């Protein structure tokens, strides 16, 4: 395989390095971490082998979209950083995210007023 490194074991045979599921699928969110969270939370009695990958992919997608919207909002306001308030505005300005997140509050940070 291209890009896969090999080691020579004690028997002289080539051994391929194991790659994490996160790197195999090219994701940023850890598939193993999602699996441990699902198992620890007891949401399902049994997990399919693809469930943690799907949950990690969905979480990564939603996070990327919210950050994209918040980044646009920051740019429109002339700011260089995304703040919790901008995240709230991004979620509230998108009807799908507003319905998905419901009545959750993401920013409970006291703003400094001069």
PDB file of N, CA and C in Angstrom:
ATOM      1  N   UNK A   1       0.836  -1.188   0.000  1.00  0.00           N
ATOM      2  CA  UNK A   1       0.000   0.000   0.000  1.00  0.00           C
ATOM      3  C   UNK A   1       0.874   1.243   0.000  1.00  0.00           C
ATOM      4  N   UNK A   2       0.388   2.228  -0.661  1.00  0.00           N
ATOM      5  CA  UNK A   2       1.125   3.462  -0.746  1.00  0.00           C
ATOM      6  C   UNK A   2       1.032   4.213   0.570  1.00  0.00           C
ATOM      7  N   UNK A   3       2.163   4.687   1.073  1.00  0.00           N
ATOM      8  CA  UNK A   3       2.184   5.474   2.292  1.00  0.00           C
ATOM      9  C   UNK A   3       2.184   4.655   3.561  1.00  0.00           C
ATOM     10  N   UNK A   4       2.112   3.320   3.445  1.00  0.00           N
ATOM     11  CA  UNK A   4       2.101   2.488   4.636  1.00  0.00           C
ATOM     12  C   UNK A   4       3.520   2.002   4.893  1.00  0.00           C
ATOM     13  N   UNK A   5       3.990   2.172   6.098  1.00  0.00           N
ATOM     14  CA  UNK A   5       5.350   1.788   6.446  1.00  0.00           C
ATOM     15  C   UNK A   5       5.362   0.356   6.947  1.00  0.00           C
ATOM     16  N   UNK A   6       6.486  -0.287   6.750  1.00  0.00           N
ATOM     17  CA  UNK A   6       6.623  -1.670   7.172  1.00  0.00           C
ATOM     18  C   UNK A   6       7.812  -1.819   8.107  1.00  0.00           C
ATOM     19  N   UNK A   7       7.700  -2.745   9.038  1.00  0.00           N
ATOM     20  CA  UNK A   7       8.794  -3.081   9.938  1.00  0.00           C
ATOM     21  C   UNK A   7       9.175  -4.530   9.692  1.00  0.00           C
ATOM     22  N   UNK A   8      10.387  -4.826  10.004  1.00  0.00           N
ATOM     23  CA  UNK A   8      10.820  -6.209   9.916  1.00  0.00           C
ATOM     24  C   UNK A   8      10.793  -6.775  11.320  1.00  0.00           C
ATOM     25  N   UNK A   9      10.017  -7.834  11.505  1.00  0.00           N
ATOM     26  CA  UNK A   9       9.884  -8.449  12.819  1.00  0.00           C
ATOM     27  C   UNK A   9      11.029  -9.391  13.113  1.00  0.00           C
ATOM     28  N   UNK A  10      10.952 -10.051  14.243  1.00  0.00           N
ATOM     29  CA  UNK A  10      12.023 -10.955  14.663  1.00  0.00           C
ATOM     30  C   UNK A  10      12.150 -12.153  13.740  1.00  0.00           C
ATOM     31  N   UNK A  11      11.074 -12.524  13.049  1.00  0.00           N
ATOM     32  CA  UNK A  11      11.127 -13.661  12.140  1.00  0.00           C
ATOM     33  C   UNK A  11      11.611 -13.262  10.754  1.00  0.00           C
ATOM     34  N   UNK A  12      11.889 -11.998  10.551  1.00  0.00           N
ATOM     35  CA  UNK A  12      12.372 -11.519   9.263  1.00  0.00           C
ATOM     36  C   UNK A  12      11.270 -11.136   8.300  1.00  0.00           C
ATOM     37  N   UNK A  13      10.022 -11.328   8.675  1.00  0.00           N
ATOM     38  CA  UNK A  13       8.901 -10.961   7.817  1.00  0.00           C
ATOM     39  C   UNK A  13       8.538  -9.503   8.036  1.00  0.00           C
ATOM     40  N   UNK A  14       8.006  -8.905   6.988  1.00  0.00           N
ATOM     41  CA  UNK A  14       7.582  -7.506   7.102  1.00  0.00           C
ATOM     42  C   UNK A  14       6.269  -7.434   7.854  1.00  0.00           C
ATOM     43  N   UNK A  15       6.200  -6.506   8.781  1.00  0.00           N
ATOM     44  CA  UNK A  15       4.974  -6.271   9.533  1.00  0.00           C
ATOM     45  C   UNK A  15       4.498  -4.863   9.219  1.00  0.00           C
ATOM     46  N   UNK A  16       3.214  -4.718   8.942  1.00  0.00           N
ATOM     47  CA  UNK A  16       2.695  -3.378   8.672  1.00  0.00           C
ATOM     48  C   UNK A  16       2.295  -2.732   9.994  1.00  0.00           C
ATOM     49  N   UNK A  17       2.503  -1.439  10.072  1.00  0.00           N
ATOM     50  CA  UNK A  17       2.091  -0.691  11.263  1.00  0.00           C
ATOM     51  C   UNK A  17       0.590  -0.556  11.273  1.00  0.00           C
ATOM     52  N   UNK A  18       0.040  -0.691  12.447  1.00  0.00           N
ATOM     53  CA  UNK A  18      -1.404  -0.511  12.551  1.00  0.00           C
ATOM     54  C   UNK A  18      -1.717   0.981  12.556  1.00  0.00           C
ATOM     55  N   UNK A  19      -2.782   1.336  11.887  1.00  0.00           N
ATOM     56  CA  UNK A  19      -3.201   2.737  11.824  1.00  0.00           C
ATOM     57  C   UNK A  19      -4.501   2.873  12.587  1.00  0.00           C
ATOM     58  N   UNK A  20      -4.670   4.007  13.200  1.00  0.00           N
ATOM     59  CA  UNK A  20      -5.903   4.252  13.950  1.00  0.00           C
ATOM     60  C   UNK A  20      -7.068   4.415  12.979  1.00  0.00           C
ATOM     61  N   UNK A  21      -8.259   4.141  13.478  1.00  0.00           N
ATOM     62  CA  UNK A  21      -9.449   4.318  12.646  1.00  0.00           C
ATOM     63  C   UNK A  21      -9.617   5.779  12.274  1.00  0.00           C
ATOM     64  N   UNK A  22      -9.201   6.661  13.155  1.00  0.00           N
ATOM     65  CA  UNK A  22      -9.301   8.093  12.875  1.00  0.00           C
ATOM     66  C   UNK A  22      -8.455   8.456  11.657  1.00  0.00           C
ATOM     67  N   UNK A  23      -7.223   7.954  11.592  1.00  0.00           N
ATOM     68  CA  UNK A  23      -6.355   8.284  10.460  1.00  0.00           C
ATOM     69  C   UNK A  23      -6.768   7.541   9.196  1.00  0.00           C
ATOM     70  N   UNK A  24      -7.304   6.339   9.339  1.00  0.00           N
ATOM     71  CA  UNK A  24      -7.764   5.592   8.163  1.00  0.00           C
ATOM     72  C   UNK A  24      -8.866   6.359   7.448  1.00  0.00           C
ATOM     73  N   UNK A  25      -9.804   6.903   8.209  1.00  0.00           N
ATOM     74  CA  UNK A  25     -10.928   7.621   7.616  1.00  0.00           C
ATOM     75  C   UNK A  25     -10.644   9.111   7.419  1.00  0.00           C
ATOM     76  N   UNK A  26      -9.461   9.573   7.815  1.00  0.00           N
ATOM     77  CA  UNK A  26      -9.085  10.973   7.604  1.00  0.00           C
ATOM     78  C   UNK A  26      -9.921  11.949   8.404  1.00  0.00           C
ATOM     79  N   UNK A  27     -10.209  11.597   9.630  1.00  0.00           N
ATOM     80  CA  UNK A  27     -11.063  12.434  10.455  1.00  0.00           C
ATOM     81  C   UNK A  27     -10.250  13.185  11.501  1.00  0.00           C
ATOM     82  N   UNK A  28     -10.839  14.213  12.060  1.00  0.00           N
ATOM     83  CA  UNK A  28     -10.206  14.982  13.129  1.00  0.00           C
ATOM     84  C   UNK A  28     -10.662  14.511  14.500  1.00  0.00           C
ATOM     85  N   UNK A  29     -11.906  14.067  14.591  1.00  0.00           N
ATOM     86  CA  UNK A  29     -12.437  13.597  15.862  1.00  0.00           C
ATOM     87  C   UNK A  29     -12.068  12.127  16.056  1.00  0.00           C
ATOM     88  N   UNK A  30     -11.647  11.789  17.241  1.00  0.00           N
ATOM     89  CA  UNK A  30     -11.172  10.445  17.533  1.00  0.00           C
ATOM     90  C   UNK A  30     -12.315   9.425  17.556  1.00  0.00           C
ATOM     91  N   UNK A  31     -12.181   8.408  16.704  1.00  0.00           N
ATOM     92  CA  UNK A  31     -13.186   7.346  16.654  1.00  0.00           C
ATOM     93  C   UNK A  31     -13.131   6.528  17.942  1.00  0.00           C
ATOM     94  N   UNK A  32     -11.932   6.272  18.451  1.00  0.00           N
ATOM     95  CA  UNK A  32     -11.790   5.502  19.690  1.00  0.00           C
ATOM     96  C   UNK A  32     -12.409   6.233  20.875  1.00  0.00           C
ATOM     97  N   UNK A  33     -12.243   7.546  20.916  1.00  0.00           N
ATOM     98  CA  UNK A  33     -12.832   8.343  21.997  1.00  0.00           C
ATOM     99  C   UNK A  33     -14.363   8.290  21.921  1.00  0.00           C
ATOM    100  N   UNK A  34     -14.906   8.376  20.702  1.00  0.00           N
ATOM    101  CA  UNK A  34     -16.358   8.278  20.541  1.00  0.00           C
ATOM    102  C   UNK A  34     -16.854   6.913  20.999  1.00  0.00           C
ATOM    103  N   UNK A  35     -16.104   5.870  20.685  1.00  0.00           N
ATOM    104  CA  UNK A  35     -16.503   4.529  21.098  1.00  0.00           C
ATOM    105  C   UNK A  35     -16.520   4.400  22.614  1.00  0.00           C
ATOM    106  N   UNK A  36     -15.494   4.930  23.265  1.00  0.00           N
ATOM    107  CA  UNK A  36     -15.460   4.846  24.728  1.00  0.00           C
ATOM    108  C   UNK A  36     -16.575   5.675  25.351  1.00  0.00           C
ATOM    109  N   UNK A  37     -16.883   6.836  24.777  1.00  0.00           N
ATOM    110  CA  UNK A  37     -17.993   7.648  25.291  1.00  0.00           C
ATOM    111  C   UNK A  37     -19.331   6.932  25.132  1.00  0.00           C
ATOM    112  N   UNK A  38     -19.534   6.288  23.994  1.00  0.00           N
ATOM    113  CA  UNK A  38     -20.776   5.548  23.773  1.00  0.00           C
ATOM    114  C   UNK A  38     -20.895   4.365  24.727  1.00  0.00           C
ATOM    115  N   UNK A  39     -19.802   3.657  24.932  1.00  0.00           N
ATOM    116  CA  UNK A  39     -19.835   2.497  25.826  1.00  0.00           C
ATOM    117  C   UNK A  39     -20.028   2.927  27.283  1.00  0.00           C
ATOM    118  N   UNK A  40     -19.354   3.995  27.690  1.00  0.00           N
ATOM    119  CA  UNK A  40     -19.459   4.462  29.071  1.00  0.00           C
ATOM    120  C   UNK A  40     -20.834   5.038  29.399  1.00  0.00           C
ATOM    121  N   UNK A  41     -21.487   5.620  28.391  1.00  0.00           N
ATOM    122  CA  UNK A  41     -22.777   6.265  28.638  1.00  0.00           C
ATOM    123  C   UNK A  41     -23.937   5.284  28.591  1.00  0.00           C
ATOM    124  N   UNK A  42     -23.701   4.070  28.180  1.00  0.00           N
ATOM    125  CA  UNK A  42     -24.718   3.012  28.136  1.00  0.00           C
ATOM    126  C   UNK A  42     -25.920   3.388  27.273  1.00  0.00           C
ATOM    127  N   UNK A  43     -25.680   4.089  26.173  1.00  0.00           N
ATOM    128  CA  UNK A  43     -26.776   4.424  25.270  1.00  0.00           C
ATOM    129  C   UNK A  43     -27.256   3.200  24.506  1.00  0.00           C
ATOM    130  N   UNK A  44     -26.355   2.302  24.243  1.00  0.00           N
ATOM    131  CA  UNK A  44     -26.732   1.096  23.514  1.00  0.00           C
ATOM    132  C   UNK A  44     -26.112  -0.108  24.198  1.00  0.00           C
ATOM    133  N   UNK A  45     -26.856  -1.170  24.217  1.00  0.00           N
ATOM    134  CA  UNK A  45     -26.340  -2.392  24.842  1.00  0.00           C
ATOM    135  C   UNK A  45     -25.198  -2.960  24.003  1.00  0.00           C
ATOM    136  N   UNK A  46     -25.376  -2.963  22.690  1.00  0.00           N
ATOM    137  CA  UNK A  46     -24.352  -3.459  21.776  1.00  0.00           C
ATOM    138  C   UNK A  46     -24.094  -2.399  20.714  1.00  0.00           C
ATOM    139  N   UNK A  47     -22.841  -2.259  20.331  1.00  0.00           N
ATOM    140  CA  UNK A  47     -22.479  -1.288  19.314  1.00  0.00           C
ATOM    141  C   UNK A  47     -21.981  -2.008  18.069  1.00  0.00           C
ATOM    142  N   UNK A  48     -22.428  -1.558  16.926  1.00  0.00           N
ATOM    143  CA  UNK A  48     -21.880  -2.035  15.673  1.00  0.00           C
ATOM    144  C   UNK A  48     -20.458  -1.491  15.541  1.00  0.00           C
ATOM    145  N   UNK A  49     -19.639  -2.130  14.752  1.00  0.00           N
ATOM    146  CA  UNK A  49     -18.264  -1.654  14.590  1.00  0.00           C
ATOM    147  C   UNK A  49     -18.208  -0.312  13.872  1.00  0.00           C
ATOM    148  N   UNK A  50     -19.249   0.016  13.112  1.00  0.00           N
ATOM    149  CA  UNK A  50     -19.252   1.285  12.379  1.00  0.00           C
ATOM    150  C   UNK A  50     -19.917   2.424  13.151  1.00  0.00           C
ATOM    151  N   UNK A  51     -20.578   2.136  14.258  1.00  0.00           N
ATOM    152  CA  UNK A  51     -21.284   3.173  15.011  1.00  0.00           C
ATOM    153  C   UNK A  51     -20.374   4.290  15.497  1.00  0.00           C
ATOM    154  N   UNK A  52     -19.235   3.995  16.148  1.00  0.00           N
ATOM    155  CA  UNK A  52     -18.373   5.089  16.600  1.00  0.00           C
ATOM    156  C   UNK A  52     -17.849   5.949  15.448  1.00  0.00           C
ATOM    157  N   UNK A  53     -17.586   5.320  14.302  1.00  0.00           N
ATOM    158  CA  UNK A  53     -17.119   6.068  13.137  1.00  0.00           C
ATOM    159  C   UNK A  53     -18.202   7.011  12.648  1.00  0.00           C
ATOM    160  N   UNK A  54     -19.430   6.527  12.589  1.00  0.00           N
ATOM    161  CA  UNK A  54     -20.547   7.362  12.142  1.00  0.00           C
ATOM    162  C   UNK A  54     -20.785   8.518  13.104  1.00  0.00           C
ATOM    163  N   UNK A  55     -20.760   8.257  14.402  1.00  0.00           N
ATOM    164  CA  UNK A  55     -20.974   9.310  15.397  1.00  0.00           C
ATOM    165  C   UNK A  55     -19.856  10.355  15.315  1.00  0.00           C
ATOM    166  N   UNK A  56     -18.617   9.902  15.148  1.00  0.00           N
ATOM    167  CA  UNK A  56     -17.493  10.838  15.029  1.00  0.00           C
ATOM    168  C   UNK A  56     -17.624  11.679  13.757  1.00  0.00           C
ATOM    169  N   UNK A  57     -18.040  11.064  12.658  1.00  0.00           N
ATOM    170  CA  UNK A  57     -18.198  11.794  11.398  1.00  0.00           C
ATOM    171  C   UNK A  57     -19.315  12.840  11.494  1.00  0.00           C
ATOM    172  N   UNK A  58     -20.426  12.473  12.095  1.00  0.00           N
ATOM    173  CA  UNK A  58     -21.539  13.420  12.247  1.00  0.00           C
ATOM    174  C   UNK A  58     -21.138  14.573  13.159  1.00  0.00           C
ATOM    175  N   UNK A  59     -20.469  14.254  14.260  1.00  0.00           N
ATOM    176  CA  UNK A  59     -20.027  15.292  15.194  1.00  0.00           C
ATOM    177  C   UNK A  59     -19.039  16.242  14.522  1.00  0.00           C
ATOM    178  N   UNK A  60     -18.125  15.676  13.742  1.00  0.00           N
ATOM    179  CA  UNK A  60     -17.148  16.501  13.033  1.00  0.00           C
ATOM    180  C   UNK A  60     -17.826  17.403  12.007  1.00  0.00           C
ATOM    181  N   UNK A  61     -18.805  16.883  11.284  1.00  0.00           N
ATOM    182  CA  UNK A  61     -19.513  17.656  10.272  1.00  0.00           C
ATOM    183  C   UNK A  61     -20.282  18.818  10.903  1.00  0.00           C
ATOM    184  N   UNK A  62     -21.031  18.523  11.959  1.00  0.00           N
ATOM    185  CA  UNK A  62     -21.810  19.578  12.622  1.00  0.00           C
ATOM    186  C   UNK A  62     -20.890  20.649  13.191  1.00  0.00           C
ATOM    187  N   UNK A  63     -19.793  20.235  13.802  1.00  0.00           N
ATOM    188  CA  UNK A  63     -18.832  21.192  14.353  1.00  0.00           C
ATOM    189  C   UNK A  63     -18.253  22.074  13.261  1.00  0.00           C
ATOM    190  N   UNK A  64     -17.879  21.467  12.132  1.00  0.00           N
ATOM    191  CA  UNK A  64     -17.307  22.239  11.023  1.00  0.00           C
ATOM    192  C   UNK A  64     -18.304  23.256  10.479  1.00  0.00           C
ATOM    193  N   UNK A  65     -19.551  22.854  10.340  1.00  0.00           N
ATOM    194  CA  UNK A  65     -20.564  23.778   9.812  1.00  0.00           C
ATOM    195  C   UNK A  65     -20.846  24.932  10.768  1.00  0.00           C
ATOM    196  N   UNK A  66     -20.951  24.638  12.061  1.00  0.00           N
ATOM    197  CA  UNK A  66     -21.191  25.708  13.039  1.00  0.00           C
ATOM    198  C   UNK A  66     -20.003  26.670  13.062  1.00  0.00           C
ATOM    199  N   UNK A  67     -18.794  26.133  13.036  1.00  0.00           N
ATOM    200  CA  UNK A  67     -17.607  27.005  13.031  1.00  0.00           C
ATOM    201  C   UNK A  67     -17.515  27.816  11.744  1.00  0.00           C
ATOM    202  N   UNK A  68     -17.932  27.225  10.628  1.00  0.00           N
ATOM    203  CA  UNK A  68     -17.946  27.966   9.361  1.00  0.00           C
ATOM    204  C   UNK A  68     -18.907  29.151   9.440  1.00  0.00           C
ATOM    205  N   UNK A  69     -20.098  28.919   9.962  1.00  0.00           N
ATOM    206  CA  UNK A  69     -21.078  30.000  10.111  1.00  0.00           C
ATOM    207  C   UNK A  69     -20.590  31.064  11.091  1.00  0.00           C
ATOM    208  N   UNK A  70     -19.989  30.629  12.192  1.00  0.00           N
ATOM    209  CA  UNK A  70     -19.468  31.587  13.168  1.00  0.00           C
ATOM    210  C   UNK A  70     -18.301  32.377  12.589  1.00  0.00           C
ATOM    211  N   UNK A  71     -17.483  31.745  11.775  1.00  0.00           N
ATOM    212  CA  UNK A  71     -16.375  32.446  11.119  1.00  0.00           C
ATOM    213  C   UNK A  71     -16.869  33.513  10.159  1.00  0.00           C
ATOM    214  N   UNK A  72     -17.930  33.187   9.430  1.00  0.00           N
ATOM    215  CA  UNK A  72     -18.530  34.195   8.526  1.00  0.00           C
ATOM    216  C   UNK A  72     -19.085  35.367   9.330  1.00  0.00           C
ATOM    217  N   UNK A  73     -19.739  35.043  10.433  1.00  0.00           N
ATOM    218  CA  UNK A  73     -20.300  36.094  11.290  1.00  0.00           C
ATOM    219  C   UNK A  73     -19.186  36.983  11.844  1.00  0.00           C
ATOM    220  N   UNK A  74     -18.083  36.378  12.257  1.00  0.00           N
ATOM    221  CA  UNK A  74     -16.941  37.149  12.773  1.00  0.00           C
ATOM    222  C   UNK A  74     -16.372  38.051  11.688  1.00  0.00           C
ATOM    223  N   UNK A  75     -16.232  37.506  10.484  1.00  0.00           N
ATOM    224  CA  UNK A  75     -15.692  38.303   9.371  1.00  0.00           C
ATOM    225  C   UNK A  75     -16.626  39.461   9.040  1.00  0.00           C
ATOM    226  N   UNK A  76     -17.942  39.231   9.060  1.00  0.00           N
ATOM    227  CA  UNK A  76     -18.910  40.292   8.779  1.00  0.00           C
ATOM    228  C   UNK A  76     -18.844  41.407   9.816  1.00  0.00           C
ATOM    229  N   UNK A  77     -18.494  41.048  11.044  1.00  0.00           N
ATOM    230  CA  UNK A  77     -18.398  42.040  12.116  1.00  0.00           C
ATOM    231  C   UNK A  77     -16.997  42.634  12.248  1.00  0.00           C
ATOM    232  N   UNK A  78     -16.065  42.185  11.399  1.00  0.00           N
ATOM    233  CA  UNK A  78     -14.708  42.709  11.439  1.00  0.00           C
ATOM    234  C   UNK A  78     -13.876  42.166  12.584  1.00  0.00           C
ATOM    235  N   UNK A  79     -14.247  41.021  13.115  1.00  0.00           N
ATOM    236  CA  UNK A  79     -13.494  40.412  14.207  1.00  0.00           C
ATOM    237  C   UNK A  79     -12.585  39.320  13.661  1.00  0.00           C
ATOM    238  N   UNK A  80     -11.498  39.066  14.382  1.00  0.00           N
ATOM    239  CA  UNK A  80     -10.544  38.061  13.925  1.00  0.00           C
ATOM    240  C   UNK A  80     -10.661  36.756  14.698  1.00  0.00           C
ATOM    241  N   UNK A  81     -11.494  36.723  15.731  1.00  0.00           N
ATOM    242  CA  UNK A  81     -11.652  35.522  16.534  1.00  0.00           C
ATOM    243  C   UNK A  81     -13.127  35.158  16.673  1.00  0.00           C
ATOM    244  N   UNK A  82     -13.374  33.870  16.814  1.00  0.00           N
ATOM    245  CA  UNK A  82     -14.729  33.385  17.049  1.00  0.00           C
ATOM    246  C   UNK A  82     -14.956  33.356  18.553  1.00  0.00           C
ATOM    247  N   UNK A  83     -15.983  34.024  18.991  1.00  0.00           N
ATOM    248  CA  UNK A  83     -16.319  34.081  20.414  1.00  0.00           C
ATOM    249  C   UNK A  83     -17.550  33.205  20.673  1.00  0.00           C
ATOM    250  N   UNK A  84     -17.811  32.867  21.925  1.00  0.00           N
ATOM    251  CA  UNK A  84     -19.023  32.097  22.227  1.00  0.00           C
ATOM    252  C   UNK A  84     -20.305  32.795  21.769  1.00  0.00           C
ATOM    253  N   UNK A  85     -20.314  34.100  21.831  1.00  0.00           N
ATOM    254  CA  UNK A  85     -21.494  34.842  21.382  1.00  0.00           C
ATOM    255  C   UNK A  85     -21.703  34.673  19.882  1.00  0.00           C
ATOM    256  N   UNK A  86     -20.605  34.644  19.119  1.00  0.00           N
ATOM    257  CA  UNK A  86     -20.717  34.432  17.676  1.00  0.00           C
ATOM    258  C   UNK A  86     -21.215  33.019  17.371  1.00  0.00           C
ATOM    259  N   UNK A  87     -20.818  32.064  18.189  1.00  0.00           N
ATOM    260  CA  UNK A  87     -21.337  30.708  18.018  1.00  0.00           C
ATOM    261  C   UNK A  87     -22.845  30.686  18.235  1.00  0.00           C
ATOM    262  N   UNK A  88     -23.304  31.372  19.269  1.00  0.00           N
ATOM    263  CA  UNK A  88     -24.750  31.470  19.521  1.00  0.00           C
ATOM    264  C   UNK A  88     -25.474  32.109  18.340  1.00  0.00           C
ATOM    265  N   UNK A  89     -24.900  33.183  17.820  1.00  0.00           N
ATOM    266  CA  UNK A  89     -25.532  33.872  16.691  1.00  0.00           C
ATOM    267  C   UNK A  89     -25.570  32.978  15.453  1.00  0.00           C
ATOM    268  N   UNK A  90     -24.501  32.222  15.231  1.00  0.00           N
ATOM    269  CA  UNK A  90     -24.456  31.331  14.076  1.00  0.00           C
ATOM    270  C   UNK A  90     -25.526  30.254  14.188  1.00  0.00           C
ATOM    271  N   UNK A  91     -25.711  29.703  15.376  1.00  0.00           N
ATOM    272  CA  UNK A  91     -26.721  28.667  15.586  1.00  0.00           C
ATOM    273  C   UNK A  91     -28.120  29.257  15.438  1.00  0.00           C
ATOM    274  N   UNK A  92     -28.335  30.435  16.002  1.00  0.00           N
ATOM    275  CA  UNK A  92     -29.656  31.072  15.949  1.00  0.00           C
ATOM    276  C   UNK A  92     -30.014  31.544  14.543  1.00  0.00           C
ATOM    277  N   UNK A  93     -29.022  31.874  13.726  1.00  0.00           N
ATOM    278  CA  UNK A  93     -29.306  32.382  12.382  1.00  0.00           C
ATOM    279  C   UNK A  93     -29.624  31.260  11.395  1.00  0.00           C
ATOM    280  N   UNK A  94     -29.336  30.015  11.736  1.00  0.00           N
ATOM    281  CA  UNK A  94     -29.588  28.882  10.858  1.00  0.00           C
ATOM    282  C   UNK A  94     -30.778  28.096  11.402  1.00  0.00           C
ATOM    283  N   UNK A  95     -31.827  27.978  10.610  1.00  0.00           N
ATOM    284  CA  UNK A  95     -33.056  27.333  11.092  1.00  0.00           C
ATOM    285  C   UNK A  95     -32.843  25.860  11.449  1.00  0.00           C
ATOM    286  N   UNK A  96     -32.012  25.162  10.693  1.00  0.00           N
ATOM    287  CA  UNK A  96     -31.783  23.744  10.993  1.00  0.00           C
ATOM    288  C   UNK A  96     -31.031  23.583  12.312  1.00  0.00           C
ATOM    289  N   UNK A  97     -30.005  24.407  12.509  1.00  0.00           N
ATOM    290  CA  UNK A  97     -29.252  24.307  13.756  1.00  0.00           C
ATOM    291  C   UNK A  97     -30.096  24.780  14.937  1.00  0.00           C
ATOM    292  N   UNK A  98     -30.902  25.791  14.716  1.00  0.00           N
ATOM    293  CA  UNK A  98     -31.768  26.281  15.785  1.00  0.00           C
ATOM    294  C   UNK A  98     -32.715  25.169  16.248  1.00  0.00           C
ATOM    295  N   UNK A  99     -33.263  24.419  15.296  1.00  0.00           N
ATOM    296  CA  UNK A  99     -34.154  23.304  15.642  1.00  0.00           C
ATOM    297  C   UNK A  99     -33.366  22.156  16.277  1.00  0.00           C
ATOM    298  N   UNK A 100     -32.166  21.898  15.776  1.00  0.00           N
ATOM    299  CA  UNK A 100     -31.351  20.792  16.280  1.00  0.00           C
ATOM    300  C   UNK A 100     -30.898  21.035  17.712  1.00  0.00           C
ATOM    301  N   UNK A 101     -30.412  22.243  17.976  1.00  0.00           N
ATOM    302  CA  UNK A 101     -29.893  22.542  19.307  1.00  0.00           C
ATOM    303  C   UNK A 101     -30.991  22.935  20.290  1.00  0.00           C
ATOM    304  N   UNK A 102     -32.157  23.285  19.786  1.00  0.00           N
ATOM    305  CA  UNK A 102     -33.286  23.591  20.660  1.00  0.00           C
ATOM    306  C   UNK A 102     -33.010  24.761  21.586  1.00  0.00           C
ATOM    307  N   UNK A 103     -33.218  24.561  22.866  1.00  0.00           N
ATOM    308  CA  UNK A 103     -33.063  25.627  23.852  1.00  0.00           C
ATOM    309  C   UNK A 103     -31.720  25.600  24.562  1.00  0.00           C
ATOM    310  N   UNK A 104     -30.710  24.998  23.946  1.00  0.00           N
ATOM    311  CA  UNK A 104     -29.398  24.949  24.595  1.00  0.00           C
ATOM    312  C   UNK A 104     -28.735  26.320  24.547  1.00  0.00           C
ATOM    313  N   UNK A 105     -27.920  26.583  25.525  1.00  0.00           N
ATOM    314  CA  UNK A 105     -27.156  27.818  25.578  1.00  0.00           C
ATOM    315  C   UNK A 105     -25.687  27.465  25.547  1.00  0.00           C
ATOM    316  N   UNK A 106     -24.977  27.981  24.546  1.00  0.00           N
ATOM    317  CA  UNK A 106     -23.560  27.631  24.437  1.00  0.00           C
ATOM    318  C   UNK A 106     -22.667  28.673  25.091  1.00  0.00           C
ATOM    319  N   UNK A 107     -23.116  29.917  25.182  1.00  0.00           N
ATOM    320  CA  UNK A 107     -22.256  30.932  25.781  1.00  0.00           C
ATOM    321  C   UNK A 107     -22.850  31.450  27.076  1.00  0.00           C
ATOM    322  N   UNK A 108     -22.192  31.126  28.143  1.00  0.00           N
ATOM    323  CA  UNK A 108     -22.574  31.644  29.444  1.00  0.00           C
ATOM    324  C   UNK A 108     -21.413  32.439  30.005  1.00  0.00           C
ATOM    325  N   UNK A 109     -20.654  33.030  29.115  1.00  0.00           N
ATOM    326  CA  UNK A 109     -19.476  33.804  29.487  1.00  0.00           C
ATOM    327  C   UNK A 109     -19.900  35.232  29.746  1.00  0.00           C
ATOM    328  N   UNK A 110     -19.494  35.765  30.871  1.00  0.00           N
ATOM    329  CA  UNK A 110     -19.793  37.155  31.171  1.00  0.00           C
ATOM    330  C   UNK A 110     -18.883  38.033  30.322  1.00  0.00           C
ATOM    331  N   UNK A 111     -19.470  38.893  29.540  1.00  0.00           N
ATOM    332  CA  UNK A 111     -18.656  39.773  28.696  1.00  0.00           C
ATOM    333  C   UNK A 111     -18.166  40.957  29.513  1.00  0.00           C
ATOM    334  N   UNK A 112     -16.983  41.400  29.174  1.00  0.00           N
ATOM    335  CA  UNK A 112     -16.383  42.544  29.856  1.00  0.00           C
ATOM    336  C   UNK A 112     -16.896  43.815  29.214  1.00  0.00           C
ATOM    337  N   UNK A 113     -17.570  44.633  29.971  1.00  0.00           N
ATOM    338  CA  UNK A 113     -18.102  45.874  29.443  1.00  0.00           C
ATOM    339  C   UNK A 113     -17.338  47.041  30.055  1.00  0.00           C
ATOM    340  N   UNK A 114     -16.934  47.945  29.199  1.00  0.00           N
ATOM    341  CA  UNK A 114     -16.189  49.110  29.683  1.00  0.00           C
ATOM    342  C   UNK A 114     -17.071  50.315  29.810  1.00  0.00           C
TER     343      UNK A 114
END
